[in-house]
Amino acid sequence: MALREILVVPHPVLKQVSQPVETVDDELRALMDDMLETMYDAPGIGLAAVQIGVPKRVIVMDISGPEEPKAPQYFVNPEILSASDDRLPYEEGCLSVPEIYDEIERPARIRLRYLNYHGETVEEDAEGLYAVCIQHEMDHLEGVLFIDYLSRLKRDRAVQKVKKLTRV
């Protein structure tokens, strides 16, 4: 496993639409292992492959709390099958937009399908933080960042703040 560099706004790769994965093989599992290590190191609770410069439809997440055992999850080619009409506001942040947080409303519950770490198809329901996080990460696969939901002024300010923070 290896730590990978997390791209930050306004890096153009973050706006790319990720490509579907053909098969879950050892090479892809190695990528997911690197992603998980990178996410934990950051630290974060979710990471899409495009955030480390690999525009593939792959996500890793772990929403377990600091006092709980780690519970990594892997999502290959995730898709939302249905979403509830009721929405949940949640303060979101992003490893690609460091130190910026804002409230975003998303469907409170979703049904999703994806391939797991072993290439098996999984269908399940998600709600609460799990639903928010997977939707946030799936946005990355479409080239969408959480700040894209904000007003242009807030978005521009966020990008300027990140540029200032990441200057060397």
Foldseek 3Di string as FASTA:
>chain_A
DAAADFAAPPPPLLQDAAAADDFQDPVNLVLVVNQCVNCVVLPHFKDASSRRPHRAQKMKGFPDDPVDDTDIWIFGPKDWPDFDPDKDWDWDDDSRLPPDTDIDIDGQKTWMWGATNNRDIDIDMDGDPRVVRVVQRSCSNNSDHPLVRPPPVSSVVSNVVSCVVPDD
